Amino acid sequence: APRVATRWGDGGGAGFAFGGASAAARAGAGPLTWMALLLALRGTVFLYQGEELGLAQSEVPFEQMQDPFGLANWPLIPGRDGCRTPMPWQHDAPQAGFSSGPPWLPVDP
């Protein structure tokens, strides 16, 4: 499942932008604007890891993929590992400060 920042930010997913992605970009609408819109909608809001920071979907190479669904359907569907990568804590630390050892999935650069 792609993160909100991936679907709505950086020009991707024009169907989620009012007037197209380029119109949203010209208006200065970034991931934080779309998250504010999501929070204003009626119903229960689910925020997945990384959405509150505006992190984009990571691209996990096939060799490092762990998701059985992604492995079985590669290359048609990239799997769910891209939204399961470790949460970054420090930009300049090894493994982004998430762990001192190698994590289960690669840290997005």
PDB file of N, CA and C in Angstrom:
ATOM      1  N   ALA A   1       0.847  -1.175   0.000  1.00  0.00           N
ATOM      2  CA  ALA A   1       0.000   0.000   0.000  1.00  0.00           C
ATOM      3  C   ALA A   1       0.886   1.228   0.000  1.00  0.00           C
ATOM      4  N   PRO A   2       0.796   2.062  -1.029  1.00  0.00           N
ATOM      5  CA  PRO A   2       1.636   3.257  -1.078  1.00  0.00           C
ATOM      6  C   PRO A   2       1.284   4.246   0.022  1.00  0.00           C
ATOM      7  N   ARG A   3       2.272   4.940   0.493  1.00  0.00           N
ATOM      8  CA  ARG A   3       2.044   5.955   1.509  1.00  0.00           C
ATOM      9  C   ARG A   3       1.381   7.172   0.889  1.00  0.00           C
ATOM     10  N   VAL A   4       0.763   7.988   1.717  1.00  0.00           N
ATOM     11  CA  VAL A   4       0.075   9.186   1.241  1.00  0.00           C
ATOM     12  C   VAL A   4       1.049  10.100   0.517  1.00  0.00           C
ATOM     13  N   ALA A   5       2.249  10.265   1.046  1.00  0.00           N
ATOM     14  CA  ALA A   5       3.220  11.154   0.411  1.00  0.00           C
ATOM     15  C   ALA A   5       3.590  10.667  -0.978  1.00  0.00           C
ATOM     16  N   THR A   6       3.619   9.347  -1.174  1.00  0.00           N
ATOM     17  CA  THR A   6       3.937   8.805  -2.483  1.00  0.00           C
ATOM     18  C   THR A   6       2.788   9.031  -3.452  1.00  0.00           C
ATOM     19  N   ARG A   7       1.562   8.838  -2.987  1.00  0.00           N
ATOM     20  CA  ARG A   7       0.407   9.004  -3.867  1.00  0.00           C
ATOM     21  C   ARG A   7       0.129  10.457  -4.189  1.00  0.00           C
ATOM     22  N   TRP A   8       0.273  11.342  -3.214  1.00  0.00           N
ATOM     23  CA  TRP A   8      -0.150  12.722  -3.386  1.00  0.00           C
ATOM     24  C   TRP A   8       1.002  13.689  -3.600  1.00  0.00           C
ATOM     25  N   GLY A   9       2.193  13.338  -3.237  1.00  0.00           N
ATOM     26  CA  GLY A   9       3.318  14.263  -3.363  1.00  0.00           C
ATOM     27  C   GLY A   9       4.152  13.958  -4.592  1.00  0.00           C
ATOM     28  N   ASP A  10       5.035  14.861  -4.923  1.00  0.00           N
ATOM     29  CA  ASP A  10       5.993  14.720  -6.016  1.00  0.00           C
ATOM     30  C   ASP A  10       5.351  14.429  -7.362  1.00  0.00           C
ATOM     31  N   GLY A  11       4.143  14.878  -7.614  1.00  0.00           N
ATOM     32  CA  GLY A  11       3.523  14.733  -8.921  1.00  0.00           C
ATOM     33  C   GLY A  11       2.947  13.367  -9.205  1.00  0.00           C
ATOM     34  N   GLY A  12       2.973  12.445  -8.267  1.00  0.00           N
ATOM     35  CA  GLY A  12       2.424  11.117  -8.518  1.00  0.00           C
ATOM     36  C   GLY A  12       0.958  11.042  -8.177  1.00  0.00           C
ATOM     37  N   GLY A  13       0.230  10.242  -8.884  1.00  0.00           N
ATOM     38  CA  GLY A  13      -1.174  10.017  -8.583  1.00  0.00           C
ATOM     39  C   GLY A  13      -2.052  11.224  -8.821  1.00  0.00           C
ATOM     40  N   ALA A  14      -2.139  11.664 -10.072  1.00  0.00           N
ATOM     41  CA  ALA A  14      -2.905  12.871 -10.381  1.00  0.00           C
ATOM     42  C   ALA A  14      -4.368  12.730  -9.984  1.00  0.00           C
ATOM     43  N   GLY A  15      -4.880  11.502  -9.833  1.00  0.00           N
ATOM     44  CA  GLY A  15      -6.267  11.312  -9.460  1.00  0.00           C
ATOM     45  C   GLY A  15      -6.569  11.762  -8.041  1.00  0.00           C
ATOM     46  N   PHE A  16      -5.545  11.940  -7.217  1.00  0.00           N
ATOM     47  CA  PHE A  16      -5.751  12.353  -5.838  1.00  0.00           C
ATOM     48  C   PHE A  16      -5.591  13.861  -5.651  1.00  0.00           C
ATOM     49  N   ALA A  17      -5.246  14.580  -6.715  1.00  0.00           N
ATOM     50  CA  ALA A  17      -5.028  16.020  -6.612  1.00  0.00           C
ATOM     51  C   ALA A  17      -6.170  16.753  -7.300  1.00  0.00           C
ATOM     52  N   PHE A  18      -6.609  17.850  -6.704  1.00  0.00           N
ATOM     53  CA  PHE A  18      -7.649  18.657  -7.317  1.00  0.00           C
ATOM     54  C   PHE A  18      -7.045  19.424  -8.476  1.00  0.00           C
ATOM     55  N   GLY A  19      -7.495  19.154  -9.684  1.00  0.00           N
ATOM     56  CA  GLY A  19      -6.966  19.825 -10.859  1.00  0.00           C
ATOM     57  C   GLY A  19      -5.688  19.212 -11.370  1.00  0.00           C
ATOM     58  N   GLY A  20      -5.319  18.056 -10.930  1.00  0.00           N
ATOM     59  CA  GLY A  20      -4.103  17.396 -11.395  1.00  0.00           C
ATOM     60  C   GLY A  20      -2.925  17.697 -10.487  1.00  0.00           C
ATOM     61  N   ALA A  21      -1.912  16.862 -10.580  1.00  0.00           N
ATOM     62  CA  ALA A  21      -0.754  16.993  -9.694  1.00  0.00           C
ATOM     63  C   ALA A  21       0.006  18.281  -9.952  1.00  0.00           C
ATOM     64  N   SER A  22       0.116  18.715 -11.210  1.00  0.00           N
ATOM     65  CA  SER A  22       0.857  19.938 -11.492  1.00  0.00           C
ATOM     66  C   SER A  22       0.144  21.153 -10.901  1.00  0.00           C
ATOM     67  N   ALA A  23      -1.199  21.155 -10.938  1.00  0.00           N
ATOM     68  CA  ALA A  23      -1.944  22.261 -10.335  1.00  0.00           C
ATOM     69  C   ALA A  23      -1.740  22.282  -8.831  1.00  0.00           C
ATOM     70  N   ALA A  24      -1.697  21.110  -8.213  1.00  0.00           N
ATOM     71  CA  ALA A  24      -1.466  21.047  -6.765  1.00  0.00           C
ATOM     72  C   ALA A  24      -0.067  21.535  -6.421  1.00  0.00           C
ATOM     73  N   ALA A  25       0.911  21.178  -7.256  1.00  0.00           N
ATOM     74  CA  ALA A  25       2.278  21.620  -6.999  1.00  0.00           C
ATOM     75  C   ALA A  25       2.404  23.126  -7.164  1.00  0.00           C
ATOM     76  N   ARG A  26       1.755  23.699  -8.168  1.00  0.00           N
ATOM     77  CA  ARG A  26       1.803  25.150  -8.364  1.00  0.00           C
ATOM     78  C   ARG A  26       1.148  25.888  -7.201  1.00  0.00           C
ATOM     79  N   ALA A  27       0.129  25.274  -6.627  1.00  0.00           N
ATOM     80  CA  ALA A  27      -0.556  25.903  -5.496  1.00  0.00           C
ATOM     81  C   ALA A  27       0.200  25.709  -4.190  1.00  0.00           C
ATOM     82  N   GLY A  28       1.314  24.986  -4.218  1.00  0.00           N
ATOM     83  CA  GLY A  28       2.101  24.755  -3.019  1.00  0.00           C
ATOM     84  C   GLY A  28       1.546  23.650  -2.138  1.00  0.00           C
ATOM     85  N   ALA A  29       0.704  22.792  -2.698  1.00  0.00           N
ATOM     86  CA  ALA A  29       0.099  21.712  -1.918  1.00  0.00           C
ATOM     87  C   ALA A  29       1.071  20.533  -1.867  1.00  0.00           C
ATOM     88  N   GLY A  30       1.637  20.289  -0.707  1.00  0.00           N
ATOM     89  CA  GLY A  30       2.546  19.175  -0.521  1.00  0.00           C
ATOM     90  C   GLY A  30       1.913  18.113   0.355  1.00  0.00           C
ATOM     91  N   PRO A  31       2.703  17.142   0.790  1.00  0.00           N
ATOM     92  CA  PRO A  31       2.177  16.067   1.625  1.00  0.00           C
ATOM     93  C   PRO A  31       1.503  16.549   2.908  1.00  0.00           C
ATOM     94  N   LEU A  32       2.007  17.626   3.519  1.00  0.00           N
ATOM     95  CA  LEU A  32       1.383  18.117   4.753  1.00  0.00           C
ATOM     96  C   LEU A  32      -0.011  18.676   4.488  1.00  0.00           C
ATOM     97  N   THR A  33      -0.180  19.312   3.341  1.00  0.00           N
ATOM     98  CA  THR A  33      -1.507  19.821   2.980  1.00  0.00           C
ATOM     99  C   THR A  33      -2.480  18.668   2.799  1.00  0.00           C
ATOM    100  N   TRP A  34      -2.023  17.618   2.135  1.00  0.00           N
ATOM    101  CA  TRP A  34      -2.899  16.467   1.899  1.00  0.00           C
ATOM    102  C   TRP A  34      -3.206  15.734   3.199  1.00  0.00           C
ATOM    103  N   MET A  35      -2.237  15.695   4.124  1.00  0.00           N
ATOM    104  CA  MET A  35      -2.506  15.066   5.415  1.00  0.00           C
ATOM    105  C   MET A  35      -3.533  15.880   6.194  1.00  0.00           C
ATOM    106  N   ALA A  36      -3.468  17.219   6.104  1.00  0.00           N
ATOM    107  CA  ALA A  36      -4.459  18.061   6.766  1.00  0.00           C
ATOM    108  C   ALA A  36      -5.842  17.807   6.184  1.00  0.00           C
ATOM    109  N   LEU A  37      -5.909  17.635   4.867  1.00  0.00           N
ATOM    110  CA  LEU A  37      -7.182  17.326   4.221  1.00  0.00           C
ATOM    111  C   LEU A  37      -7.695  15.968   4.694  1.00  0.00           C
ATOM    112  N   LEU A  38      -6.815  14.987   4.767  1.00  0.00           N
ATOM    113  CA  LEU A  38      -7.207  13.650   5.228  1.00  0.00           C
ATOM    114  C   LEU A  38      -7.754  13.698   6.651  1.00  0.00           C
ATOM    115  N   LEU A  39      -7.116  14.483   7.516  1.00  0.00           N
ATOM    116  CA  LEU A  39      -7.563  14.583   8.902  1.00  0.00           C
ATOM    117  C   LEU A  39      -8.887  15.326   9.030  1.00  0.00           C
ATOM    118  N   ALA A  40      -9.233  16.135   8.031  1.00  0.00           N
ATOM    119  CA  ALA A  40     -10.488  16.883   8.067  1.00  0.00           C
ATOM    120  C   ALA A  40     -11.676  16.058   7.574  1.00  0.00           C
ATOM    121  N   LEU A  41     -11.416  14.908   6.963  1.00  0.00           N
ATOM    122  CA  LEU A  41     -12.501  14.081   6.448  1.00  0.00           C
ATOM    123  C   LEU A  41     -13.227  13.359   7.578  1.00  0.00           C
ATOM    124  N   ARG A  42     -14.445  12.999   7.327  1.00  0.00           N
ATOM    125  CA  ARG A  42     -15.256  12.282   8.302  1.00  0.00           C
ATOM    126  C   ARG A  42     -14.800  10.827   8.410  1.00  0.00           C
ATOM    127  N   GLY A  43     -14.798  10.305   9.609  1.00  0.00           N
ATOM    128  CA  GLY A  43     -14.455   8.906   9.810  1.00  0.00           C
ATOM    129  C   GLY A  43     -13.158   8.738  10.588  1.00  0.00           C
ATOM    130  N   THR A  44     -12.747   7.497  10.719  1.00  0.00           N
ATOM    131  CA  THR A  44     -11.531   7.160  11.450  1.00  0.00           C
ATOM    132  C   THR A  44     -10.326   7.343  10.549  1.00  0.00           C
ATOM    133  N   VAL A  45      -9.299   7.990  11.064  1.00  0.00           N
ATOM    134  CA  VAL A  45      -8.080   8.238  10.303  1.00  0.00           C
ATOM    135  C   VAL A  45      -7.030   7.217  10.717  1.00  0.00           C
ATOM    136  N   PHE A  46      -6.400   6.616   9.737  1.00  0.00           N
ATOM    137  CA  PHE A  46      -5.304   5.696   9.976  1.00  0.00           C
ATOM    138  C   PHE A  46      -4.039   6.310   9.402  1.00  0.00           C
ATOM    139  N   LEU A  47      -3.049   6.529  10.243  1.00  0.00           N
ATOM    140  CA  LEU A  47      -1.750   7.025   9.799  1.00  0.00           C
ATOM    141  C   LEU A  47      -0.756   5.886   9.913  1.00  0.00           C
ATOM    142  N   TYR A  48      -0.128   5.561   8.820  1.00  0.00           N
ATOM    143  CA  TYR A  48       0.861   4.501   8.820  1.00  0.00           C
ATOM    144  C   TYR A  48       2.244   5.085   9.034  1.00  0.00           C
ATOM    145  N   GLN A  49       3.167   4.259   9.468  1.00  0.00           N
ATOM    146  CA  GLN A  49       4.514   4.696   9.783  1.00  0.00           C
ATOM    147  C   GLN A  49       5.117   5.458   8.611  1.00  0.00           C
ATOM    148  N   GLY A  50       5.579   6.654   8.871  1.00  0.00           N
ATOM    149  CA  GLY A  50       6.221   7.470   7.856  1.00  0.00           C
ATOM    150  C   GLY A  50       5.310   8.509   7.235  1.00  0.00           C
ATOM    151  N   GLU A  51       4.004   8.310   7.268  1.00  0.00           N
ATOM    152  CA  GLU A  51       3.091   9.275   6.663  1.00  0.00           C
ATOM    153  C   GLU A  51       3.128  10.614   7.395  1.00  0.00           C
ATOM    154  N   GLU A  52       3.268  10.578   8.710  1.00  0.00           N
ATOM    155  CA  GLU A  52       3.273  11.823   9.463  1.00  0.00           C
ATOM    156  C   GLU A  52       4.525  12.639   9.177  1.00  0.00           C
ATOM    157  N   LEU A  53       5.577  12.000   8.658  1.00  0.00           N
ATOM    158  CA  LEU A  53       6.810  12.693   8.304  1.00  0.00           C
ATOM    159  C   LEU A  53       6.874  13.033   6.822  1.00  0.00           C
ATOM    160  N   GLY A  54       5.915  12.569   6.046  1.00  0.00           N
ATOM    161  CA  GLY A  54       5.925  12.801   4.606  1.00  0.00           C
ATOM    162  C   GLY A  54       6.920  11.922   3.871  1.00  0.00           C
ATOM    163  N   LEU A  55       7.246  10.758   4.438  1.00  0.00           N
ATOM    164  CA  LEU A  55       8.196   9.854   3.787  1.00  0.00           C
ATOM    165  C   LEU A  55       7.552   9.204   2.570  1.00  0.00           C
ATOM    166  N   ALA A  56       8.308   9.096   1.514  1.00  0.00           N
ATOM    167  CA  ALA A  56       7.821   8.451   0.301  1.00  0.00           C
ATOM    168  C   ALA A  56       7.995   6.941   0.404  1.00  0.00           C
ATOM    169  N   GLN A  57       7.317   6.213  -0.467  1.00  0.00           N
ATOM    170  CA  GLN A  57       7.432   4.756  -0.534  1.00  0.00           C
ATOM    171  C   GLN A  57       8.859   4.381  -0.923  1.00  0.00           C
ATOM    172  N   SER A  58       9.495   3.503  -0.186  1.00  0.00           N
ATOM    173  CA  SER A  58      10.853   3.059  -0.489  1.00  0.00           C
ATOM    174  C   SER A  58      10.827   2.004  -1.584  1.00  0.00           C
ATOM    175  N   GLU A  59      11.894   1.954  -2.341  1.00  0.00           N
ATOM    176  CA  GLU A  59      12.032   0.912  -3.360  1.00  0.00           C
ATOM    177  C   GLU A  59      13.012  -0.123  -2.828  1.00  0.00           C
ATOM    178  N   VAL A  60      12.495  -1.305  -2.505  1.00  0.00           N
ATOM    179  CA  VAL A  60      13.306  -2.387  -1.966  1.00  0.00           C
ATOM    180  C   VAL A  60      13.698  -3.308  -3.117  1.00  0.00           C
ATOM    181  N   PRO A  61      15.015  -3.557  -3.321  1.00  0.00           N
ATOM    182  CA  PRO A  61      15.430  -4.455  -4.389  1.00  0.00           C
ATOM    183  C   PRO A  61      14.890  -5.877  -4.166  1.00  0.00           C
ATOM    184  N   PHE A  62      14.678  -6.598  -5.247  1.00  0.00           N
ATOM    185  CA  PHE A  62      14.121  -7.944  -5.157  1.00  0.00           C
ATOM    186  C   PHE A  62      14.954  -8.831  -4.232  1.00  0.00           C
ATOM    187  N   GLU A  63      16.275  -8.674  -4.250  1.00  0.00           N
ATOM    188  CA  GLU A  63      17.161  -9.517  -3.436  1.00  0.00           C
ATOM    189  C   GLU A  63      16.959  -9.313  -1.946  1.00  0.00           C
ATOM    190  N   GLN A  64      16.453  -8.141  -1.542  1.00  0.00           N
ATOM    191  CA  GLN A  64      16.255  -7.845  -0.122  1.00  0.00           C
ATOM    192  C   GLN A  64      14.788  -7.904   0.292  1.00  0.00           C
ATOM    193  N   MET A  65      13.918  -8.247  -0.629  1.00  0.00           N
ATOM    194  CA  MET A  65      12.481  -8.285  -0.343  1.00  0.00           C
ATOM    195  C   MET A  65      12.159  -9.445   0.601  1.00  0.00           C
ATOM    196  N   GLN A  66      11.251  -9.184   1.561  1.00  0.00           N
ATOM    197  CA  GLN A  66      10.844 -10.177   2.542  1.00  0.00           C
ATOM    198  C   GLN A  66       9.367 -10.575   2.415  1.00  0.00           C
ATOM    199  N   ASP A  67       8.570  -9.733   1.795  1.00  0.00           N
ATOM    200  CA  ASP A  67       7.129  -9.916   1.701  1.00  0.00           C
ATOM    201  C   ASP A  67       6.774 -11.092   0.783  1.00  0.00           C
ATOM    202  N   PRO A  68       6.113 -12.143   1.291  1.00  0.00           N
ATOM    203  CA  PRO A  68       5.755 -13.285   0.453  1.00  0.00           C
ATOM    204  C   PRO A  68       4.850 -12.901  -0.728  1.00  0.00           C
ATOM    205  N   PHE A  69       3.939 -11.963  -0.508  1.00  0.00           N
ATOM    206  CA  PHE A  69       3.054 -11.510  -1.580  1.00  0.00           C
ATOM    207  C   PHE A  69       3.853 -10.816  -2.681  1.00  0.00           C
ATOM    208  N   GLY A  70       4.797  -9.976  -2.282  1.00  0.00           N
ATOM    209  CA  GLY A  70       5.643  -9.296  -3.257  1.00  0.00           C
ATOM    210  C   GLY A  70       6.549 -10.245  -4.009  1.00  0.00           C
ATOM    211  N   LEU A  71       7.092 -11.236  -3.305  1.00  0.00           N
ATOM    212  CA  LEU A  71       7.961 -12.222  -3.963  1.00  0.00           C
ATOM    213  C   LEU A  71       7.188 -13.064  -4.970  1.00  0.00           C
ATOM    214  N   ALA A  72       5.962 -13.436  -4.619  1.00  0.00           N
ATOM    215  CA  ALA A  72       5.158 -14.283  -5.505  1.00  0.00           C
ATOM    216  C   ALA A  72       4.673 -13.542  -6.742  1.00  0.00           C
ATOM    217  N   ASN A  73       4.485 -12.221  -6.638  1.00  0.00           N
ATOM    218  CA  ASN A  73       3.920 -11.454  -7.746  1.00  0.00           C
ATOM    219  C   ASN A  73       4.910 -10.505  -8.407  1.00  0.00           C
ATOM    220  N   TRP A  74       6.184 -10.667  -8.123  1.00  0.00           N
ATOM    221  CA  TRP A  74       7.208  -9.818  -8.732  1.00  0.00           C
ATOM    222  C   TRP A  74       7.277 -10.097 -10.213  1.00  0.00           C
ATOM    223  N   PRO A  75       7.446  -9.188 -11.107  1.00  0.00           N
ATOM    224  CA  PRO A  75       7.588  -7.741 -11.002  1.00  0.00           C
ATOM    225  C   PRO A  75       6.276  -6.978 -11.195  1.00  0.00           C
ATOM    226  N   LEU A  76       5.155  -7.679 -11.304  1.00  0.00           N
ATOM    227  CA  LEU A  76       3.880  -6.991 -11.522  1.00  0.00           C
ATOM    228  C   LEU A  76       3.490  -6.112 -10.338  1.00  0.00           C
ATOM    229  N   ILE A  77       3.727  -6.606  -9.127  1.00  0.00           N
ATOM    230  CA  ILE A  77       3.391  -5.877  -7.908  1.00  0.00           C
ATOM    231  C   ILE A  77       4.655  -5.812  -7.055  1.00  0.00           C
ATOM    232  N   PRO A  78       5.091  -4.613  -6.661  1.00  0.00           N
ATOM    233  CA  PRO A  78       6.349  -4.503  -5.924  1.00  0.00           C
ATOM    234  C   PRO A  78       6.286  -5.018  -4.489  1.00  0.00           C
ATOM    235  N   GLY A  79       5.113  -5.331  -3.988  1.00  0.00           N
ATOM    236  CA  GLY A  79       4.993  -5.842  -2.625  1.00  0.00           C
ATOM    237  C   GLY A  79       4.779  -4.739  -1.618  1.00  0.00           C
ATOM    238  N   ARG A  80       4.763  -5.138  -0.350  1.00  0.00           N
ATOM    239  CA  ARG A  80       4.455  -4.215   0.744  1.00  0.00           C
ATOM    240  C   ARG A  80       5.677  -3.794   1.537  1.00  0.00           C
ATOM    241  N   ASP A  81       6.851  -4.289   1.173  1.00  0.00           N
ATOM    242  CA  ASP A  81       8.053  -3.975   1.941  1.00  0.00           C
ATOM    243  C   ASP A  81       8.452  -2.507   1.868  1.00  0.00           C
ATOM    244  N   GLY A  82       8.093  -1.809   0.801  1.00  0.00           N
ATOM    245  CA  GLY A  82       8.464  -0.409   0.649  1.00  0.00           C
ATOM    246  C   GLY A  82       7.878   0.495   1.718  1.00  0.00           C
ATOM    247  N   CYS A  83       6.766   0.076   2.313  1.00  0.00           N
ATOM    248  CA  CYS A  83       6.174   0.889   3.383  1.00  0.00           C
ATOM    249  C   CYS A  83       6.472   0.291   4.754  1.00  0.00           C
ATOM    250  N   ARG A  84       7.356  -0.694   4.796  1.00  0.00           N
ATOM    251  CA  ARG A  84       7.710  -1.347   6.064  1.00  0.00           C
ATOM    252  C   ARG A  84       9.170  -1.159   6.433  1.00  0.00           C
ATOM    253  N   THR A  85       9.859  -0.281   5.748  1.00  0.00           N
ATOM    254  CA  THR A  85      11.276  -0.066   6.036  1.00  0.00           C
ATOM    255  C   THR A  85      11.439   0.623   7.395  1.00  0.00           C
ATOM    256  N   PRO A  86      12.623   0.535   7.999  1.00  0.00           N
ATOM    257  CA  PRO A  86      12.821   1.133   9.331  1.00  0.00           C
ATOM    258  C   PRO A  86      12.586   2.637   9.347  1.00  0.00           C
ATOM    259  N   MET A  87      12.051   3.111  10.442  1.00  0.00           N
ATOM    260  CA  MET A  87      11.784   4.536  10.644  1.00  0.00           C
ATOM    261  C   MET A  87      13.106   5.262  10.877  1.00  0.00           C
ATOM    262  N   PRO A  88      13.399   6.319  10.121  1.00  0.00           N
ATOM    263  CA  PRO A  88      14.642   7.061  10.344  1.00  0.00           C
ATOM    264  C   PRO A  88      14.565   7.903  11.616  1.00  0.00           C
ATOM    265  N   TRP A  89      15.664   7.886  12.370  1.00  0.00           N
ATOM    266  CA  TRP A  89      15.733   8.670  13.606  1.00  0.00           C
ATOM    267  C   TRP A  89      16.762   9.785  13.487  1.00  0.00           C
ATOM    268  N   GLN A  90      17.918   9.479  12.899  1.00  0.00           N
ATOM    269  CA  GLN A  90      18.984  10.474  12.729  1.00  0.00           C
ATOM    270  C   GLN A  90      19.501  10.378  11.301  1.00  0.00           C
ATOM    271  N   HIS A  91      19.585  11.536  10.637  1.00  0.00           N
ATOM    272  CA  HIS A  91      19.971  11.551   9.228  1.00  0.00           C
ATOM    273  C   HIS A  91      21.410  11.066   9.015  1.00  0.00           C
ATOM    274  N   ASP A  92      22.335  11.483   9.866  1.00  0.00           N
ATOM    275  CA  ASP A  92      23.746  11.196   9.644  1.00  0.00           C
ATOM    276  C   ASP A  92      24.251   9.951  10.387  1.00  0.00           C
ATOM    277  N   ALA A  93      23.395   9.229  11.078  1.00  0.00           N
ATOM    278  CA  ALA A  93      23.818   8.046  11.837  1.00  0.00           C
ATOM    279  C   ALA A  93      23.767   6.789  10.958  1.00  0.00           C
ATOM    280  N   PRO A  94      24.584   5.786  11.283  1.00  0.00           N
ATOM    281  CA  PRO A  94      24.481   4.517  10.556  1.00  0.00           C
ATOM    282  C   PRO A  94      23.087   3.910  10.728  1.00  0.00           C
ATOM    283  N   GLN A  95      22.552   3.330   9.669  1.00  0.00           N
ATOM    284  CA  GLN A  95      21.195   2.757   9.654  1.00  0.00           C
ATOM    285  C   GLN A  95      20.152   3.794  10.063  1.00  0.00           C
ATOM    286  N   ALA A  96      20.446   5.080   9.816  1.00  0.00           N
ATOM    287  CA  ALA A  96      19.560   6.212  10.132  1.00  0.00           C
ATOM    288  C   ALA A  96      19.193   6.265  11.612  1.00  0.00           C
ATOM    289  N   GLY A  97      20.052   5.686  12.471  1.00  0.00           N
ATOM    290  CA  GLY A  97      19.808   5.705  13.899  1.00  0.00           C
ATOM    291  C   GLY A  97      18.774   4.694  14.356  1.00  0.00           C
ATOM    292  N   PHE A  98      18.278   3.863  13.445  1.00  0.00           N
ATOM    293  CA  PHE A  98      17.247   2.888  13.797  1.00  0.00           C
ATOM    294  C   PHE A  98      17.817   1.742  14.617  1.00  0.00           C
ATOM    295  N   SER A  99      19.006   1.270  14.242  1.00  0.00           N
ATOM    296  CA  SER A  99      19.595   0.109  14.903  1.00  0.00           C
ATOM    297  C   SER A  99      21.108   0.147  14.737  1.00  0.00           C
ATOM    298  N   SER A 100      21.808  -0.494  15.659  1.00  0.00           N
ATOM    299  CA  SER A 100      23.265  -0.595  15.504  1.00  0.00           C
ATOM    300  C   SER A 100      23.647  -1.783  14.630  1.00  0.00           C
ATOM    301  N   GLY A 101      22.730  -2.698  14.420  1.00  0.00           N
ATOM    302  CA  GLY A 101      22.962  -3.845  13.561  1.00  0.00           C
ATOM    303  C   GLY A 101      22.190  -3.728  12.256  1.00  0.00           C
ATOM    304  N   PRO A 102      22.354  -4.692  11.381  1.00  0.00           N
ATOM    305  CA  PRO A 102      21.614  -4.642  10.112  1.00  0.00           C
ATOM    306  C   PRO A 102      20.116  -4.905  10.342  1.00  0.00           C
ATOM    307  N   PRO A 103      19.238  -4.033   9.841  1.00  0.00           N
ATOM    308  CA  PRO A 103      17.803  -4.240  10.021  1.00  0.00           C
ATOM    309  C   PRO A 103      17.271  -5.298   9.068  1.00  0.00           C
ATOM    310  N   TRP A 104      16.049  -5.731   9.306  1.00  0.00           N
ATOM    311  CA  TRP A 104      15.392  -6.751   8.518  1.00  0.00           C
ATOM    312  C   TRP A 104      15.194  -6.310   7.063  1.00  0.00           C
ATOM    313  N   LEU A 105      14.833  -5.036   6.878  1.00  0.00           N
ATOM    314  CA  LEU A 105      14.702  -4.431   5.560  1.00  0.00           C
ATOM    315  C   LEU A 105      15.688  -3.279   5.476  1.00  0.00           C
ATOM    316  N   PRO A 106      16.149  -2.910   4.275  1.00  0.00           N
ATOM    317  CA  PRO A 106      17.119  -1.824   4.164  1.00  0.00           C
ATOM    318  C   PRO A 106      16.524  -0.476   4.552  1.00  0.00           C
ATOM    319  N   VAL A 107      17.380   0.389   5.088  1.00  0.00           N
ATOM    320  CA  VAL A 107      16.976   1.747   5.446  1.00  0.00           C
ATOM    321  C   VAL A 107      16.969   2.574   4.177  1.00  0.00           C
ATOM    322  N   ASP A 108      15.913   3.340   3.967  1.00  0.00           N
ATOM    323  CA  ASP A 108      15.813   4.192   2.779  1.00  0.00           C
ATOM    324  C   ASP A 108      16.807   5.329   2.901  1.00  0.00           C
ATOM    325  N   PRO A 109      17.630   5.548   1.855  1.00  0.00           N
ATOM    326  CA  PRO A 109      18.655   6.619   1.958  1.00  0.00           C
ATOM    327  C   PRO A 109      18.087   8.007   2.008  1.00  0.00           C
TER     328      PRO A 109
END
